[in-house]
């Protein structure tokens, strides 16, 4: 993740938490409301690591061959 993306996330959440209108935030950052609410939700749930990207790799793969074969 680049610093610019992280900065947008932090700025957007700060603005939202301070009471700024979500449409204004999204328009000024050229982002969607879904993007904004995703980061607000992570901020409220995850503490320190909230602005970091998460892996999209599945935790389990049912087609994976077991180690006992």
N, C-alpha and C. Protein backbone atom coordinates (compact mmCIF):
# COMPACT_ATOMS: atom_id res chain seq x y z
N UNK A 1 0.85 -1.17 0.00
CA UNK A 1 0.00 0.00 0.00
C UNK A 1 0.90 1.23 0.00
N UNK A 2 0.53 2.19 -0.81
CA UNK A 2 1.33 3.40 -0.84
C UNK A 2 0.86 4.38 0.22
N UNK A 3 1.72 5.33 0.53
CA UNK A 3 1.43 6.30 1.60
C UNK A 3 0.25 7.20 1.25
N UNK A 4 0.05 7.46 -0.05
CA UNK A 4 -1.05 8.32 -0.47
C UNK A 4 -2.40 7.68 -0.13
N UNK A 5 -2.55 6.39 -0.43
CA UNK A 5 -3.79 5.67 -0.12
C UNK A 5 -4.05 5.65 1.37
N UNK A 6 -3.01 5.38 2.13
CA UNK A 6 -3.14 5.34 3.59
C UNK A 6 -3.55 6.71 4.12
N UNK A 7 -2.95 7.75 3.56
CA UNK A 7 -3.27 9.11 3.97
C UNK A 7 -4.71 9.48 3.67
N UNK A 8 -5.22 9.06 2.50
CA UNK A 8 -6.62 9.31 2.16
C UNK A 8 -7.55 8.61 3.15
N UNK A 9 -7.21 7.40 3.51
CA UNK A 9 -8.04 6.63 4.45
C UNK A 9 -8.11 7.33 5.80
N UNK A 10 -6.97 7.73 6.31
CA UNK A 10 -6.90 8.39 7.61
C UNK A 10 -7.65 9.73 7.58
N UNK A 11 -7.42 10.50 6.53
CA UNK A 11 -8.06 11.80 6.39
C UNK A 11 -9.58 11.66 6.29
N UNK A 12 -10.04 10.71 5.49
CA UNK A 12 -11.48 10.50 5.31
C UNK A 12 -12.15 10.13 6.63
N UNK A 13 -11.53 9.24 7.39
CA UNK A 13 -12.11 8.82 8.66
C UNK A 13 -12.10 9.98 9.67
N UNK A 14 -11.03 10.76 9.69
CA UNK A 14 -10.98 11.92 10.60
C UNK A 14 -12.09 12.90 10.27
N UNK A 15 -12.27 13.19 8.99
CA UNK A 15 -13.34 14.10 8.57
C UNK A 15 -14.70 13.56 8.97
N UNK A 16 -14.92 12.27 8.72
CA UNK A 16 -16.20 11.65 9.04
C UNK A 16 -16.48 11.71 10.54
N UNK A 17 -15.49 11.37 11.33
CA UNK A 17 -15.64 11.38 12.79
C UNK A 17 -15.85 12.79 13.33
N UNK A 18 -15.36 13.80 12.61
CA UNK A 18 -15.55 15.18 13.07
C UNK A 18 -16.90 15.75 12.65
N UNK A 19 -17.67 14.95 11.88
CA UNK A 19 -19.02 15.37 11.52
C UNK A 19 -19.19 15.89 10.11
N UNK A 20 -18.15 15.85 9.31
CA UNK A 20 -18.26 16.31 7.93
C UNK A 20 -19.18 15.38 7.14
N UNK A 21 -19.94 15.94 6.22
CA UNK A 21 -20.90 15.19 5.41
C UNK A 21 -20.18 14.16 4.53
N UNK A 22 -20.72 12.94 4.48
CA UNK A 22 -20.08 11.86 3.72
C UNK A 22 -20.00 12.18 2.23
N UNK A 23 -21.01 12.85 1.67
CA UNK A 23 -20.97 13.21 0.24
C UNK A 23 -19.84 14.18 -0.04
N UNK A 24 -19.61 15.11 0.86
CA UNK A 24 -18.53 16.08 0.70
C UNK A 24 -17.17 15.40 0.76
N UNK A 25 -17.02 14.49 1.70
CA UNK A 25 -15.76 13.74 1.84
C UNK A 25 -15.47 12.95 0.57
N UNK A 26 -16.46 12.22 0.10
CA UNK A 26 -16.29 11.37 -1.08
C UNK A 26 -15.99 12.20 -2.33
N UNK A 27 -16.67 13.32 -2.47
CA UNK A 27 -16.45 14.19 -3.63
C UNK A 27 -15.05 14.79 -3.61
N UNK A 28 -14.59 15.21 -2.45
CA UNK A 28 -13.27 15.84 -2.37
C UNK A 28 -12.13 14.84 -2.57
N UNK A 29 -12.35 13.59 -2.20
CA UNK A 29 -11.31 12.57 -2.36
C UNK A 29 -11.51 11.72 -3.62
N UNK A 30 -12.64 11.95 -4.32
CA UNK A 30 -12.98 11.18 -5.52
C UNK A 30 -13.07 9.68 -5.22
N UNK A 31 -13.78 9.38 -4.14
CA UNK A 31 -13.99 8.00 -3.69
C UNK A 31 -15.48 7.76 -3.52
N UNK A 32 -15.88 6.50 -3.46
CA UNK A 32 -17.29 6.16 -3.30
C UNK A 32 -17.68 6.14 -1.82
N UNK A 33 -19.00 6.19 -1.59
CA UNK A 33 -19.49 6.11 -0.21
C UNK A 33 -19.18 4.73 0.38
N UNK A 34 -19.23 3.70 -0.46
CA UNK A 34 -18.90 2.35 0.02
C UNK A 34 -17.46 2.31 0.52
N UNK A 35 -16.55 2.96 -0.20
CA UNK A 35 -15.14 3.03 0.20
C UNK A 35 -15.03 3.71 1.57
N UNK A 36 -15.72 4.84 1.72
CA UNK A 36 -15.67 5.58 2.98
C UNK A 36 -16.19 4.75 4.13
N UNK A 37 -17.35 4.15 3.98
CA UNK A 37 -17.95 3.38 5.08
C UNK A 37 -17.16 2.12 5.41
N UNK A 38 -16.47 1.55 4.43
CA UNK A 38 -15.60 0.40 4.68
C UNK A 38 -14.49 0.79 5.66
N UNK A 39 -13.87 1.96 5.43
CA UNK A 39 -12.76 2.38 6.29
C UNK A 39 -13.24 2.89 7.64
N UNK A 40 -14.41 3.50 7.69
CA UNK A 40 -14.98 3.92 8.97
C UNK A 40 -15.26 2.69 9.83
N UNK A 41 -15.82 1.66 9.22
CA UNK A 41 -16.12 0.42 9.95
C UNK A 41 -14.84 -0.22 10.48
N UNK A 42 -13.82 -0.30 9.65
CA UNK A 42 -12.54 -0.89 10.10
C UNK A 42 -11.92 -0.06 11.21
N UNK A 43 -12.02 1.26 11.11
CA UNK A 43 -11.48 2.14 12.14
C UNK A 43 -12.15 1.85 13.49
N UNK A 44 -13.45 1.70 13.46
CA UNK A 44 -14.19 1.49 14.70
C UNK A 44 -13.98 0.09 15.28
N UNK A 45 -13.65 -0.87 14.45
CA UNK A 45 -13.51 -2.26 14.92
C UNK A 45 -12.09 -2.70 15.21
N UNK A 46 -11.07 -2.12 14.57
CA UNK A 46 -9.76 -2.75 14.56
C UNK A 46 -8.61 -2.02 15.22
N UNK A 47 -8.78 -0.87 15.75
CA UNK A 47 -7.68 -0.22 16.45
C UNK A 47 -6.55 0.23 15.57
N UNK A 48 -5.33 -0.08 15.94
CA UNK A 48 -4.12 0.44 15.31
C UNK A 48 -3.92 0.05 13.84
N UNK A 49 -4.30 -1.13 13.46
CA UNK A 49 -3.99 -1.61 12.10
C UNK A 49 -5.09 -1.33 11.09
N UNK A 50 -6.08 -0.54 11.44
CA UNK A 50 -7.24 -0.35 10.56
C UNK A 50 -6.91 0.19 9.18
N UNK A 51 -5.92 1.10 8.97
CA UNK A 51 -5.75 1.61 7.60
C UNK A 51 -4.94 0.70 6.68
N UNK A 52 -4.50 -0.44 7.16
CA UNK A 52 -3.69 -1.34 6.35
C UNK A 52 -4.56 -2.21 5.45
N UNK A 53 -4.01 -2.56 4.28
CA UNK A 53 -4.69 -3.49 3.39
C UNK A 53 -4.71 -4.87 4.02
N UNK A 54 -5.72 -5.66 3.67
CA UNK A 54 -5.80 -7.04 4.14
C UNK A 54 -5.62 -7.98 2.95
N UNK A 55 -5.07 -9.13 3.23
CA UNK A 55 -4.92 -10.15 2.19
C UNK A 55 -6.28 -10.65 1.76
N UNK A 56 -6.40 -10.91 0.47
CA UNK A 56 -7.65 -11.48 -0.04
C UNK A 56 -7.53 -12.99 -0.23
N UNK A 57 -6.40 -13.53 0.15
CA UNK A 57 -6.16 -14.96 0.02
C UNK A 57 -7.10 -15.71 0.96
N UNK A 58 -7.75 -16.75 0.47
CA UNK A 58 -8.63 -17.52 1.35
C UNK A 58 -7.84 -18.23 2.45
N UNK A 59 -8.45 -18.36 3.60
CA UNK A 59 -7.79 -19.04 4.72
C UNK A 59 -7.76 -20.55 4.52
N UNK A 60 -8.75 -21.07 3.79
CA UNK A 60 -8.83 -22.51 3.55
C UNK A 60 -9.07 -22.78 2.07
N UNK A 61 -8.56 -23.92 1.59
CA UNK A 61 -8.79 -24.34 0.23
C UNK A 61 -9.24 -25.79 0.26
N UNK A 62 -10.50 -26.07 -0.04
CA UNK A 62 -11.00 -27.45 0.06
C UNK A 62 -10.35 -28.38 -0.97
N UNK A 63 -9.73 -27.85 -2.00
CA UNK A 63 -9.09 -28.67 -3.04
C UNK A 63 -7.63 -28.95 -2.74
N UNK A 64 -7.12 -28.41 -1.65
CA UNK A 64 -5.73 -28.59 -1.26
C UNK A 64 -5.46 -30.05 -0.88
N UNK A 65 -4.38 -30.61 -1.40
CA UNK A 65 -4.01 -31.98 -1.07
C UNK A 65 -3.40 -32.02 0.33
N UNK A 66 -3.86 -32.93 1.14
CA UNK A 66 -3.38 -33.05 2.51
C UNK A 66 -1.92 -33.48 2.58
N UNK A 67 -1.28 -33.25 3.71
CA UNK A 67 0.13 -33.59 3.90
C UNK A 67 0.33 -35.10 4.14
N UNK A 68 -0.75 -35.82 4.44
CA UNK A 68 -0.61 -37.24 4.75
C UNK A 68 -0.55 -38.12 3.50
N UNK A 69 -0.62 -37.55 2.33
CA UNK A 69 -0.56 -38.36 1.09
C UNK A 69 0.85 -38.45 0.59
